[in-house]
């Protein structure tokens, strides 16, 4: 009997008599999910990213602002025609985890094995045949200059603008109109079959969006109207306080620079709780301009920012000490661990960026990781809303598995019968009526005919089930995104994004304040990992795929 089963049999009054109260199970959308066991009792220090982690941005206004400013910068500074100013932002067309193919002007979704499964050229969907033709022998290397991975919500406006521009110039090319400034010369050798320099489009979009970040244009507008662009989380201050009260040391590690960090963090946390009039009191260490992922891979030294109100200056110390409520600039993981005295599994880092926050902290250190996936709340809500359709799909898939096994068994028997007719030998297994005595050839031939008819009928039923499964799958995926389907999955496989979450995030959740639902000493236990033969063992014990899905 498991502890859960044992405790479930103890009357509630026993818990109440011991001073416990039975709390309802944590709401699905507010849970923290484990890929690997994580004992918070062994975590001494917890670090947080700021953007899209502590600070939750109001999705559509924030993305539209980035899109519009980037579009304006491309017209004013990069020679793009004013007509592109009419290209509207579509907040639903792209999602995290996609990849931009700069060379061919495509945007695509891939599975865990980097096989391209869905793709668009601009806003035009590529057929399965076109995808096969372009990507059948392509290994998608995210680190290649030809590809750009959309691993953070900051990247979505960039991807939307890229697809709109590819679509815009493709239509102009089809109408024999000018496609300056992205026209390739006729003699230009390129794998791109069009005369549009889509690599330049991607580069120019990136240049323009970088410029609005670097010169303060974007952040200046946000800071001037924080309530429009940032959604305060009422549980955030309490969650941080709860961790501090349990003896955890907290630190902020963000790529944002001090002035912006000060404005956003003040808006989020100042005077939310009586004991914390200033947001810096929540944190033992404040690290800005961290330059992640370089923070994890390089050895740039720390500088201390001497802060006086909103004014600050950088000062390098020969013998640096990290002190509470002081602010530090740049730095690196090795010095941070040395100066704080904590390392490896004692540190949990919470961030939203697979590459910058999570992959590097896992690959270049032994820090534990928590990925914030804001979209998870919506995905879980849709799973609950459409649980009946998901159950129906599971039933259909179970029937397909059963038919596949029955067809395989019959084909094995057919092979033995055919061998018997050829060699006149007694079959060893699988054909019960011929087990004890040699049967006449006519009887074997008749049995072969019957078995072949059964296989043909089963194959027809299997085709019908395949079509039914495909329609159910398509309908389900349309609920999540008519263009790309589910965030974490691609058909029966994990998507590339889903696979990276599983590989690099020890735990993941939809927002930092979900920590409030758990004890600071909680043990997050990962589910048992299963391989294909484990499922076969379950089948041999009479457990169906449907039951396994519901149990998991």
Protein backbone atom coordinates (compact mmCIF):
# COMPACT_ATOMS: atom_id res chain seq x y z
CA UNK A 1 0.00 0.00 0.00
CA UNK A 2 1.36 3.43 -0.93
CA UNK A 3 1.54 6.31 1.55
CA UNK A 4 -1.20 8.06 -0.43
CA UNK A 5 -3.48 5.03 -0.11
CA UNK A 6 -2.58 4.60 3.55
CA UNK A 7 -3.28 8.24 4.41
CA UNK A 8 -6.51 8.27 2.38
CA UNK A 9 -7.89 5.58 4.72
CA UNK A 10 -7.19 7.65 7.86
CA UNK A 11 -10.30 9.55 8.96
CA UNK A 12 -10.13 13.32 8.53
CA UNK A 13 -10.58 13.82 12.28
CA UNK A 14 -7.15 12.19 12.89
CA UNK A 15 -5.49 14.93 10.82
CA UNK A 16 -7.60 17.60 12.47
CA UNK A 17 -6.79 16.29 15.93
CA UNK A 18 -3.06 16.54 15.10
CA UNK A 19 -3.48 20.14 14.03
CA UNK A 20 -3.78 19.45 10.30
CA UNK A 21 -6.55 20.57 8.00
CA UNK A 22 -7.28 18.78 4.76
CA UNK A 23 -6.73 21.24 1.93
CA UNK A 24 -8.34 20.71 -1.45
CA UNK A 25 -6.04 19.57 -4.22
CA UNK A 26 -4.15 22.39 -5.96
CA UNK A 27 -6.08 23.72 -8.95
CA UNK A 28 -4.71 22.19 -12.15
CA UNK A 29 -3.70 25.50 -13.73
CA UNK A 30 -1.75 26.52 -10.59
CA UNK A 31 0.25 23.34 -10.18
CA UNK A 32 3.98 22.86 -10.50
CA UNK A 33 4.87 19.83 -12.65
CA UNK A 34 8.03 17.77 -12.19
CA UNK A 35 10.24 16.22 -14.85
CA UNK A 36 12.84 15.25 -12.23
CA UNK A 37 12.56 14.86 -8.48
CA UNK A 38 13.15 18.17 -6.71
CA UNK A 39 13.40 18.44 -2.92
CA UNK A 40 12.89 22.07 -1.94
CA UNK A 41 14.21 21.19 1.52
CA UNK A 42 17.65 20.81 -0.12
CA UNK A 43 17.41 24.11 -2.02
CA UNK A 44 19.11 26.91 -0.11
CA UNK A 45 18.83 29.73 -2.66
CA UNK A 46 16.28 30.55 -5.37
CA UNK A 47 16.96 32.94 -8.23
CA UNK A 48 14.46 34.62 -10.54
CA UNK A 49 14.53 36.17 -13.98
CA UNK A 50 12.39 39.30 -14.31
CA UNK A 51 10.80 39.64 -17.76
CA UNK A 52 8.01 37.10 -18.34
CA UNK A 53 8.91 35.49 -15.00
CA UNK A 54 8.35 37.86 -12.10
CA UNK A 55 6.88 40.42 -14.51
CA UNK A 56 3.90 39.06 -16.44
CA UNK A 57 3.30 41.17 -19.53
CA UNK A 58 -0.14 41.94 -20.91
CA UNK A 59 0.25 39.83 -24.03
CA UNK A 60 -1.53 41.64 -26.85
CA UNK A 61 -0.67 45.28 -25.97
CA UNK A 62 2.96 44.32 -25.32
CA UNK A 63 3.39 42.32 -28.52
CA UNK A 64 1.56 44.88 -30.64
CA UNK A 65 3.80 47.65 -29.27
CA UNK A 66 6.96 45.72 -30.20
CA UNK A 67 5.55 44.88 -33.64
CA UNK A 68 4.51 48.47 -34.45
CA UNK A 69 7.78 50.02 -33.25
CA UNK A 70 9.84 47.49 -35.22
CA UNK A 71 7.79 48.06 -38.37
CA UNK A 72 8.23 51.82 -38.04
CA UNK A 73 11.99 51.43 -37.55
CA UNK A 74 12.29 49.31 -40.70
CA UNK A 75 10.54 52.01 -42.74
CA UNK A 76 12.52 54.89 -41.28
CA UNK A 77 15.99 53.36 -41.01
CA UNK A 78 16.23 50.33 -43.30
CA UNK A 79 14.64 51.54 -46.54
CA UNK A 80 11.46 49.46 -46.49
CA UNK A 81 8.42 50.87 -48.32
CA UNK A 82 5.83 52.83 -46.34
CA UNK A 83 3.17 50.42 -47.59
CA UNK A 84 4.32 47.75 -45.13
CA UNK A 85 2.96 50.00 -42.38
CA UNK A 86 -0.47 48.57 -43.25
CA UNK A 87 0.57 45.02 -42.32
CA UNK A 88 -1.48 44.17 -39.25
CA UNK A 89 -0.23 42.20 -36.28
CA UNK A 90 -1.98 38.86 -35.78
CA UNK A 91 -1.46 37.71 -32.16
CA UNK A 92 -2.77 34.20 -32.90
CA UNK A 93 -0.63 33.22 -35.89
CA UNK A 94 2.61 32.31 -34.11
CA UNK A 95 3.43 30.54 -30.86
CA UNK A 96 6.49 29.68 -28.83
CA UNK A 97 8.61 26.74 -29.98
CA UNK A 98 8.44 27.44 -33.73
CA UNK A 99 11.52 27.95 -35.90
CA UNK A 100 12.19 30.57 -38.57
CA UNK A 101 13.95 29.30 -41.69
CA UNK A 102 15.70 32.47 -42.84
CA UNK A 103 17.08 30.98 -46.04
CA UNK A 104 13.75 29.81 -47.44
CA UNK A 105 11.39 32.31 -45.81
CA UNK A 106 9.47 29.63 -43.91
CA UNK A 107 8.31 29.24 -40.35
CA UNK A 108 7.79 25.70 -39.11
CA UNK A 109 6.98 23.43 -36.21
CA UNK A 110 9.04 20.31 -35.58
CA UNK A 111 8.75 17.29 -33.33
CA UNK A 112 11.15 16.07 -30.66
CA UNK A 113 13.41 14.56 -33.34
CA UNK A 114 13.60 17.81 -35.33
CA UNK A 115 11.44 16.48 -38.15
CA UNK A 116 9.53 19.36 -39.75
CA UNK A 117 5.82 18.59 -39.48
CA UNK A 118 4.03 21.88 -40.35
CA UNK A 119 5.35 24.86 -42.25
CA UNK A 120 4.24 28.17 -43.75
CA UNK A 121 5.89 30.35 -46.36
CA UNK A 122 4.75 33.74 -45.20
CA UNK A 123 1.10 33.11 -44.43
CA UNK A 124 0.71 30.32 -47.02
CA UNK A 125 0.67 26.76 -45.68
CA UNK A 126 3.09 24.30 -47.26
CA UNK A 127 1.64 20.94 -48.30
CA UNK A 128 3.02 17.68 -46.96
CA UNK A 129 4.71 17.17 -50.33
CA UNK A 130 6.36 20.59 -50.19
CA UNK A 131 7.55 19.97 -46.63
CA UNK A 132 9.00 16.62 -47.71
CA UNK A 133 10.74 18.21 -50.68
CA UNK A 134 12.33 21.03 -48.65
CA UNK A 135 13.16 19.26 -45.39
CA UNK A 136 13.43 15.52 -46.00
CA UNK A 137 17.23 15.59 -45.66
CA UNK A 138 17.58 18.70 -43.47
CA UNK A 139 18.85 18.50 -39.92
CA UNK A 140 17.50 21.53 -38.11
CA UNK A 141 20.34 22.98 -36.05
CA UNK A 142 18.99 25.81 -33.94
CA UNK A 143 22.49 27.24 -33.52
CA UNK A 144 22.89 27.64 -37.29
CA UNK A 145 22.60 31.18 -38.69
CA UNK A 146 19.99 29.84 -41.12
CA UNK A 147 17.50 29.19 -38.32
CA UNK A 148 16.07 31.23 -35.47
CA UNK A 149 14.21 29.51 -32.64
CA UNK A 150 11.23 31.19 -30.96
CA UNK A 151 12.04 30.17 -27.41
CA UNK A 152 10.69 33.22 -25.61
CA UNK A 153 7.49 35.25 -25.78
CA UNK A 154 9.60 38.28 -26.69
CA UNK A 155 10.27 36.59 -30.07
CA UNK A 156 6.63 36.29 -31.17
CA UNK A 157 6.20 39.83 -32.61
CA UNK A 158 9.46 39.36 -34.52
CA UNK A 159 8.21 36.10 -36.04
CA UNK A 160 4.83 37.60 -36.91
CA UNK A 161 6.48 40.52 -38.70
CA UNK A 162 8.84 38.19 -40.58
CA UNK A 163 5.94 36.08 -41.89
CA UNK A 164 3.95 39.18 -42.87
CA UNK A 165 6.89 40.64 -44.81
CA UNK A 166 7.62 37.37 -46.62
CA UNK A 167 3.94 37.18 -47.56
CA UNK A 168 3.87 40.83 -48.65
CA UNK A 169 6.91 40.60 -50.91
CA UNK A 170 5.87 37.19 -52.29
CA UNK A 171 2.57 38.68 -53.43
CA UNK A 172 4.36 41.62 -55.03
CA UNK A 173 6.71 39.28 -56.84
CA UNK A 174 3.76 37.28 -58.16
CA UNK A 175 2.26 40.53 -59.46
CA UNK A 176 5.59 41.46 -61.10
CA UNK A 177 6.02 44.48 -58.80
CA UNK A 178 9.16 45.76 -57.14
CA UNK A 179 10.39 43.83 -54.12
CA UNK A 180 13.08 46.30 -53.11
CA UNK A 181 14.97 46.34 -50.80
CA UNK A 182 14.95 42.52 -50.61
CA UNK A 183 15.21 41.50 -54.28
CA UNK A 184 17.91 39.03 -55.19
CA UNK A 185 19.68 39.48 -58.56
CA UNK A 186 18.73 36.98 -61.25
CA UNK A 187 22.20 35.43 -61.30
CA UNK A 188 22.32 35.03 -57.53
CA UNK A 189 22.96 31.42 -56.55
CA UNK A 190 20.71 30.44 -53.70
CA UNK A 191 18.74 27.48 -52.48
CA UNK A 192 15.76 29.81 -52.20
CA UNK A 193 13.63 29.28 -55.27
CA UNK A 194 12.22 32.80 -55.17
CA UNK A 195 14.03 36.05 -55.91
CA UNK A 196 13.26 37.40 -52.43
CA UNK A 197 16.12 37.66 -49.98
CA UNK A 198 14.29 36.24 -46.98
CA UNK A 199 17.54 35.98 -45.05
CA UNK A 200 17.83 39.77 -45.31
CA UNK A 201 14.24 40.18 -44.13
CA UNK A 202 15.01 38.10 -41.02
CA UNK A 203 18.24 40.02 -40.40
CA UNK A 204 16.56 43.40 -40.82
CA UNK A 205 13.68 42.50 -38.51
CA UNK A 206 16.19 41.39 -35.87
CA UNK A 207 18.25 44.57 -36.35
CA UNK A 208 15.18 46.77 -35.98
CA UNK A 209 13.81 45.00 -32.93
CA UNK A 210 17.25 45.08 -31.28
CA UNK A 211 17.41 48.82 -31.87
CA UNK A 212 14.11 49.54 -30.10
CA UNK A 213 15.39 47.61 -27.09
CA UNK A 214 18.86 49.15 -27.03
CA UNK A 215 17.89 52.81 -27.48
CA UNK A 216 15.16 52.68 -24.83
CA UNK A 217 12.26 53.37 -27.21
CA UNK A 218 10.32 50.28 -26.19
CA UNK A 219 11.05 50.38 -22.48
CA UNK A 220 10.42 54.12 -22.29
CA UNK A 221 6.84 53.60 -23.47
CA UNK A 222 6.32 50.67 -21.08
CA UNK A 223 7.68 52.55 -18.06
CA UNK A 224 5.47 55.54 -18.85
CA UNK A 225 2.36 53.32 -18.74
CA UNK A 226 3.14 50.25 -16.65
CA UNK A 227 -0.51 49.29 -15.90
CA UNK A 228 -1.18 48.85 -19.64
CA UNK A 229 1.74 46.55 -20.27
CA UNK A 230 2.32 44.65 -17.01
CA UNK A 231 -0.21 42.55 -15.10
CA UNK A 232 0.46 42.58 -11.33
CA UNK A 233 0.23 39.14 -9.73
CA UNK A 234 -1.40 39.51 -6.32
CA UNK A 235 0.20 36.29 -5.08
CA UNK A 236 3.78 37.19 -6.05
CA UNK A 237 4.75 39.14 -2.92
CA UNK A 238 3.29 36.49 -0.62
CA UNK A 239 5.08 33.70 -2.50
CA UNK A 240 8.45 35.45 -2.16
CA UNK A 241 7.79 36.23 1.50
CA UNK A 242 6.88 32.61 2.17
CA UNK A 243 10.17 31.41 0.68
CA UNK A 244 12.17 33.99 2.67
CA UNK A 245 10.36 33.06 5.87
CA UNK A 246 11.41 29.43 5.35
CA UNK A 247 15.05 30.50 5.32
CA UNK A 248 15.61 30.52 1.55
CA UNK A 249 17.94 33.14 0.15
CA UNK A 250 16.50 34.88 -2.93
CA UNK A 251 18.25 36.63 -5.80
CA UNK A 252 17.26 38.45 -8.97
CA UNK A 253 19.24 37.73 -12.14
CA UNK A 254 17.94 39.63 -15.16
CA UNK A 255 19.32 40.79 -18.50
CA UNK A 256 17.47 44.09 -18.12
CA UNK A 257 19.50 47.12 -17.06
CA UNK A 258 19.06 48.94 -13.76
CA UNK A 259 16.67 51.82 -14.65
CA UNK A 260 14.12 49.50 -16.28
CA UNK A 261 14.54 46.85 -13.57
CA UNK A 262 13.98 49.45 -10.86
CA UNK A 263 10.77 50.73 -12.48
CA UNK A 264 9.25 47.31 -13.14
CA UNK A 265 10.18 45.73 -9.81
CA UNK A 266 8.96 48.78 -7.88
CA UNK A 267 5.62 48.53 -9.68
CA UNK A 268 5.37 44.81 -8.92
CA UNK A 269 6.47 44.70 -5.27
CA UNK A 270 6.90 48.05 -3.50
CA UNK A 271 4.57 48.26 -0.45
CA UNK A 272 2.68 45.11 -1.40
CA UNK A 273 3.42 43.82 2.09
CA UNK A 274 4.04 45.96 5.17
CA UNK A 275 7.43 44.41 5.86
CA UNK A 276 8.69 45.19 2.35
CA UNK A 277 8.32 48.90 1.49
CA UNK A 278 11.12 48.55 -1.09
CA UNK A 279 11.26 45.61 -3.50
CA UNK A 280 14.98 45.01 -2.91
CA UNK A 281 14.21 43.80 0.62
CA UNK A 282 12.83 40.58 -0.86
CA UNK A 283 16.21 39.72 -2.37
CA UNK A 284 19.58 38.94 -0.88
CA UNK A 285 21.31 39.70 -4.18
CA UNK A 286 20.25 41.82 -7.17
CA UNK A 287 22.10 41.17 -10.45
CA UNK A 288 21.17 43.25 -13.53
CA UNK A 289 22.48 43.29 -17.12
CA UNK A 290 23.39 39.64 -16.58
CA UNK A 291 23.94 38.99 -20.31
CA UNK A 292 22.48 35.47 -20.13
CA UNK A 293 23.43 33.01 -21.53
CA UNK A 294 26.94 34.57 -21.31
CA UNK A 295 26.50 34.71 -17.51
CA UNK A 296 26.70 30.90 -17.52
CA UNK A 297 29.43 30.47 -20.14
CA UNK A 298 31.86 33.40 -19.78
CA UNK A 299 33.85 34.97 -16.95
CA UNK A 300 33.01 38.67 -17.15
CA UNK A 301 33.56 40.19 -13.68
CA UNK A 302 30.91 41.79 -11.49
CA UNK A 303 30.65 45.55 -11.11
CA UNK A 304 28.71 47.17 -8.29
CA UNK A 305 26.17 49.83 -9.19
CA UNK A 306 26.25 52.69 -6.71
CA UNK A 307 22.59 53.70 -6.71
CA UNK A 308 21.31 57.06 -5.51
CA UNK A 309 17.60 57.25 -6.23
CA UNK A 310 17.32 56.69 -9.97
CA UNK A 311 20.92 57.76 -10.63
CA UNK A 312 23.64 55.14 -10.66
CA UNK A 313 27.22 54.57 -11.64
CA UNK A 314 29.27 51.45 -12.16
CA UNK A 315 32.24 50.81 -9.89
CA UNK A 316 34.65 47.88 -10.01
CA UNK A 317 36.10 46.64 -6.73
CA UNK A 318 39.32 44.63 -6.41
CA UNK A 319 37.86 42.59 -3.55
CA UNK A 320 34.17 42.36 -4.26
CA UNK A 321 31.61 41.12 -1.76
CA UNK A 322 27.98 40.55 -2.69
CA UNK A 323 25.89 42.38 -0.10
CA UNK A 324 22.18 42.42 0.65
CA UNK A 325 20.12 45.17 -1.07
CA UNK A 326 23.13 46.24 -3.17
CA UNK A 327 22.92 46.07 -6.96
CA UNK A 328 25.47 44.31 -9.18
CA UNK A 329 26.11 44.50 -12.90
CA UNK A 330 27.08 41.70 -15.36
CA UNK A 331 29.11 38.95 -13.62
CA UNK A 332 29.34 35.18 -14.09
CA UNK A 333 28.21 31.96 -12.48
CA UNK A 334 31.61 30.86 -11.16
CA UNK A 335 32.21 34.05 -9.20
CA UNK A 336 28.59 34.12 -8.05
CA UNK A 337 28.88 30.64 -6.56
CA UNK A 338 32.24 31.47 -4.97
CA UNK A 339 31.02 34.74 -3.45
CA UNK A 340 27.73 33.33 -2.11
CA UNK A 341 29.04 29.94 -1.00
CA UNK A 342 26.21 28.05 -2.75
CA UNK A 343 26.38 25.89 -5.84
CA UNK A 344 24.96 22.95 -7.78
CA UNK A 345 21.77 21.44 -6.33
CA UNK A 346 21.54 24.07 -3.60
CA UNK A 347 20.39 26.67 -6.17
CA UNK A 348 17.08 26.70 -8.05
CA UNK A 349 16.77 29.17 -10.93
CA UNK A 350 13.35 30.23 -12.21
CA UNK A 351 13.06 31.68 -15.72
CA UNK A 352 11.00 31.72 -18.92
CA UNK A 353 13.65 31.32 -21.61
CA UNK A 354 14.54 27.75 -22.61
CA UNK A 355 17.96 28.69 -24.00
CA UNK A 356 19.07 31.68 -21.95
CA UNK A 357 17.60 30.74 -18.58
CA UNK A 358 17.17 26.98 -18.54
CA UNK A 359 19.38 25.14 -21.04
CA UNK A 360 22.53 27.02 -20.09
CA UNK A 361 21.98 26.77 -16.35
CA UNK A 362 21.53 23.00 -16.81
CA UNK A 363 24.37 22.47 -19.31
CA UNK A 364 26.98 24.73 -17.76
CA UNK A 365 26.12 24.20 -14.10
CA UNK A 366 24.24 21.86 -11.82
CA UNK A 367 21.66 24.45 -10.80
CA UNK A 368 18.13 23.09 -10.53
CA UNK A 369 15.69 24.71 -12.94
CA UNK A 370 12.06 25.85 -13.00
CA UNK A 371 10.62 26.99 -16.32
CA UNK A 372 7.75 29.48 -16.33
CA UNK A 373 5.45 28.69 -19.26
CA UNK A 374 2.72 31.31 -19.21
CA UNK A 375 0.76 29.50 -21.94
CA UNK A 376 0.39 26.43 -19.72
CA UNK A 377 -2.71 27.83 -18.01
CA UNK A 378 -4.55 28.08 -21.33
CA UNK A 379 -3.38 24.65 -22.50
CA UNK A 380 -4.52 22.98 -19.28
CA UNK A 381 -7.86 24.75 -19.44
CA UNK A 382 -8.43 23.44 -22.96
CA UNK A 383 -7.47 19.90 -21.93
CA UNK A 384 -10.07 20.00 -19.16
CA UNK A 385 -12.72 21.55 -21.40
CA UNK A 386 -12.26 18.92 -24.11
CA UNK A 387 -11.50 15.91 -21.92
CA UNK A 388 -14.35 13.92 -23.53
CA UNK A 389 -12.88 14.35 -27.03
CA UNK A 390 -9.44 13.41 -25.68
CA UNK A 391 -10.94 10.29 -24.10
CA UNK A 392 -12.68 9.42 -27.38
CA UNK A 393 -9.40 9.78 -29.27
CA UNK A 394 -7.69 7.50 -26.74
CA UNK A 395 -10.39 4.86 -27.26
CA UNK A 396 -9.97 5.01 -31.04
CA UNK A 397 -6.21 4.71 -30.71
CA UNK A 398 -6.63 1.71 -28.42
CA UNK A 399 -8.78 0.00 -31.08
CA UNK A 400 -6.06 0.73 -33.64
CA UNK A 401 -3.43 -0.90 -31.44
CA UNK A 402 -5.61 -3.98 -30.94
CA UNK A 403 -6.25 -4.32 -34.69
CA UNK A 404 -2.56 -3.89 -35.46
CA UNK A 405 -1.72 -6.78 -33.11
CA UNK A 406 -4.47 -9.00 -34.53
CA UNK A 407 -3.36 -8.34 -38.10
CA UNK A 408 0.25 -9.14 -37.19
CA UNK A 409 -0.81 -12.43 -35.57
CA UNK A 410 -2.91 -13.48 -38.55
CA UNK A 411 -0.11 -12.63 -40.97
CA UNK A 412 2.26 -14.80 -38.97
CA UNK A 413 -0.21 -17.68 -39.22
CA UNK A 414 -0.64 -17.06 -42.96
CA UNK A 415 3.16 -17.25 -43.41
CA UNK A 416 3.24 -20.62 -41.64
CA UNK A 417 0.39 -21.98 -43.74
CA UNK A 418 2.05 -20.88 -46.96
CA UNK A 419 5.27 -22.53 -45.83
CA UNK A 420 3.31 -25.70 -45.08
CA UNK A 421 1.86 -25.76 -48.59
CA UNK A 422 5.30 -25.23 -50.13
CA UNK A 423 7.21 -27.79 -48.04
CA UNK A 424 4.53 -30.21 -46.94
CA UNK A 425 5.72 -29.77 -43.36
CA UNK A 426 3.69 -29.49 -40.17
CA UNK A 427 3.56 -25.91 -38.77
CA UNK A 428 5.06 -25.58 -35.29
CA UNK A 429 2.91 -22.88 -33.79
CA UNK A 430 -0.14 -20.75 -34.31
CA UNK A 431 -2.54 -22.97 -36.31
CA UNK A 432 -4.51 -25.01 -33.81
CA UNK A 433 -6.54 -27.19 -36.21
CA UNK A 434 -3.34 -28.49 -37.83
CA UNK A 435 -1.56 -29.10 -34.56
CA UNK A 436 -1.98 -32.87 -34.23
CA UNK A 437 -2.15 -34.21 -37.77
CA UNK A 438 -1.20 -33.27 -41.28
CA UNK A 439 -4.17 -31.66 -43.02
CA UNK A 440 -5.01 -32.00 -46.71
CA UNK A 441 -3.69 -29.25 -48.98
CA UNK A 442 -7.27 -28.26 -49.84
CA UNK A 443 -8.05 -27.64 -46.17
CA UNK A 444 -4.90 -25.54 -45.74
CA UNK A 445 -5.74 -23.53 -48.87
CA UNK A 446 -9.26 -22.89 -47.59
CA UNK A 447 -7.92 -21.75 -44.24
CA UNK A 448 -5.48 -19.46 -46.01
CA UNK A 449 -8.34 -17.94 -47.97
CA UNK A 450 -10.34 -17.34 -44.75
CA UNK A 451 -7.37 -15.78 -42.97
CA UNK A 452 -6.58 -13.49 -45.90
CA UNK A 453 -10.20 -12.29 -45.97
CA UNK A 454 -10.02 -11.58 -42.25
CA UNK A 455 -6.83 -9.56 -42.73
CA UNK A 456 -8.39 -7.59 -45.59
CA UNK A 457 -11.45 -6.83 -43.46
CA UNK A 458 -9.28 -5.81 -40.51
CA UNK A 459 -7.21 -3.52 -42.76
CA UNK A 460 -10.40 -1.83 -43.98
CA UNK A 461 -11.49 -1.29 -40.39
CA UNK A 462 -8.02 0.00 -39.54
CA UNK A 463 -8.18 2.55 -42.37
CA UNK A 464 -11.53 3.74 -41.06
CA UNK A 465 -10.11 4.05 -37.56
CA UNK A 466 -7.05 5.88 -38.92
CA UNK A 467 -9.32 8.39 -40.61
CA UNK A 468 -11.46 8.74 -37.50
CA UNK A 469 -8.34 9.29 -35.38
CA UNK A 470 -7.00 11.88 -37.82
CA UNK A 471 -10.27 13.84 -37.77
CA UNK A 472 -10.47 13.74 -33.98
CA UNK A 473 -6.82 14.80 -33.72
CA UNK A 474 -7.36 17.70 -36.16
CA UNK A 475 -10.48 18.86 -34.32
CA UNK A 476 -8.69 18.76 -30.97
CA UNK A 477 -5.66 20.64 -32.28
CA UNK A 478 -7.90 23.32 -33.79
CA UNK A 479 -9.14 24.10 -30.28
CA UNK A 480 -5.55 24.91 -29.27
CA UNK A 481 -4.38 26.58 -32.50
CA UNK A 482 -5.87 26.06 -35.98
CA UNK A 483 -2.43 26.80 -37.41
CA UNK A 484 -0.02 24.93 -35.14
CA UNK A 485 -2.00 22.69 -32.78
CA UNK A 486 -0.78 22.04 -29.24
CA UNK A 487 2.22 23.80 -27.73
CA UNK A 488 3.86 20.75 -26.14
CA UNK A 489 2.86 18.07 -28.64
CA UNK A 490 2.96 17.35 -32.34
CA UNK A 491 0.55 14.56 -33.25
CA UNK A 492 1.59 11.56 -31.09
CA UNK A 493 5.05 12.95 -30.34
CA UNK A 494 6.31 15.77 -28.17
CA UNK A 495 6.99 18.96 -30.08
CA UNK A 496 10.56 20.27 -30.07
CA UNK A 497 9.49 22.76 -27.40
CA UNK A 498 7.84 20.03 -25.32
CA UNK A 499 10.96 17.86 -25.58
CA UNK A 500 13.18 20.74 -24.45
CA UNK A 501 10.91 21.46 -21.48
CA UNK A 502 11.13 17.80 -20.47
CA UNK A 503 14.90 17.64 -20.96
CA UNK A 504 16.04 20.89 -19.35
CA UNK A 505 13.41 21.95 -16.80
CA UNK A 506 13.46 20.08 -13.49
CA UNK A 507 9.98 21.51 -12.84
CA UNK A 508 7.70 23.84 -14.79
CA UNK A 509 4.65 25.94 -14.04
CA UNK A 510 2.59 28.83 -15.40
CA UNK A 511 3.63 31.60 -12.97
CA UNK A 512 5.96 32.23 -10.03
CA UNK A 513 3.10 32.78 -7.56
CA UNK A 514 2.12 29.11 -7.97
CA UNK A 515 4.87 28.45 -5.43
CA UNK A 516 2.44 29.83 -2.87
CA UNK A 517 0.42 26.62 -3.21
CA UNK A 518 3.26 24.46 -1.88
CA UNK A 519 5.38 24.18 1.23
CA UNK A 520 8.93 25.60 0.87
CA UNK A 521 10.02 22.08 1.90
CA UNK A 522 7.86 20.31 -0.71
CA UNK A 523 9.19 17.25 -2.52
CA UNK A 524 8.21 17.43 -6.20
CA UNK A 525 8.21 13.84 -7.45
CA UNK A 526 8.48 13.14 -11.16
CA UNK A 527 6.27 10.43 -12.67
CA UNK A 528 7.93 7.14 -13.53
CA UNK A 529 9.45 7.24 -17.02
CA UNK A 530 8.11 4.52 -19.30
CA UNK A 531 9.58 2.90 -22.41
CA UNK A 532 7.75 0.95 -25.06
CA UNK A 533 8.42 -2.42 -23.44
CA UNK A 534 6.94 -1.08 -20.18
CA UNK A 535 3.67 -0.55 -22.02
CA UNK A 536 3.91 -4.10 -23.38
CA UNK A 537 4.20 -5.40 -19.82
CA UNK A 538 1.13 -3.34 -18.88
CA UNK A 539 -0.75 -4.83 -21.85
CA UNK A 540 0.15 -8.33 -20.71
CA UNK A 541 -1.50 -7.50 -17.38
CA UNK A 542 -4.67 -6.39 -19.12
CA UNK A 543 -4.17 -2.62 -18.76
CA UNK A 544 -5.42 -0.64 -21.75
CA UNK A 545 -3.82 2.43 -23.30
CA UNK A 546 -6.88 4.38 -22.18
CA UNK A 547 -6.34 3.42 -18.54
CA UNK A 548 -2.65 4.29 -18.74
CA UNK A 549 -3.39 7.68 -20.24
CA UNK A 550 -5.90 8.48 -17.50
CA UNK A 551 -3.56 7.25 -14.77
CA UNK A 552 -0.65 9.32 -16.09
